[in-house]
Every structure is written in C-alpha cells, then in structure tokens.
C-alpha cells in the first residue's frame, strides 16, 4: 500500500500540471504599468521566489522581454527613464526574471500597423490602424514570439511588429 501511495505522489509531482510552463523565445520591449506603489515583483520563475521589484508608479520603467510563458514574461533587465537623471535613464533591474504579463503594455500601435492572425506577415490581417491614428485603441499584451507581440484589441487577437513602446525614440 505504501508503494502505491508513493507511486501516486511521484506521479502527481511529475505531472504536467506541476511542470514549469514552456518559454517561447522573443525579443520585445514593453512598459511596466503596475500602479501598485509597492511595485511589480520580478520572480526567479513563474510564480517563484521574488528576486526584485520594479516600481513604476509615476515613472517610466521599460523591460527587455526575452520570453513568454503562460501569463508570464521572462525579462533580461529593466530601465528606468527619468529626465532628471544625468543620462536620462538608469538600470532598474539587472539580470533575468519573470513578471506577470498583465502588468506590461505598449505605448501605442503605429499608424497603419497591421495585426496578423499568426506571428508572420504572410498570414491574414485581422486588424489595421488607420494612417491618421494618433493613439492606439485599447490594447492588452498577451504574449510574444520572436519579434512579434501578441495583442488583444477589443475582441480581436493577433500578432504585430507595428507597435511603439518607447515614446522617446520608436513612436511614429
């Protein structure tokens, strides 16, 4: 009986529900939008130990996202932008960790940006911004793959490269 119970316990531990989520590699820049004054926790793994905090309330903090893992983004560093700093910026976090995807956002979609059904430009266009849009419609970041960002725009979900995350240099 002990062997049977031990077998069930080992099977439960090894089951996919306990395994770490697979990480899809990507390379995108996103802004921290967590309004909590305590900041956004950076974790060693999804739902893991807290290894840092990104305080973005009333500041602009941008993360270098290197992976997407089931509601979590793997980051490789973060930068705080502030015009009062000598160089206008400073590191906010060094190293690698995970943050909740829902606490990250883009600045805007570029005018004329195409949003595709799949993360490639040969797939069907599911949404396109007009050329005279000054602000993007409400968007929610939900994932990334390569240099594509997965967004939800109202009821539309799709992939784009046509976004801006850095209002100083990359917004059209």
Foldseek 3Di string as FASTA:
>chain_A
DVVVVVVVVVCVCPDPVNDAFDKAFAWEKWWFQDQDQVAWFFAAGVVHDGDAGAGDNVWTKMFTFTIDGQQKTKTAWMKTADPVDPVRIDTRDHGITITGQQRIHAFAFAAQWFFAAAQDPVGDTPDTHHNPDPGHADWGFDGGHYQWTWICHPPDIGITNRTHRDVVPPHD
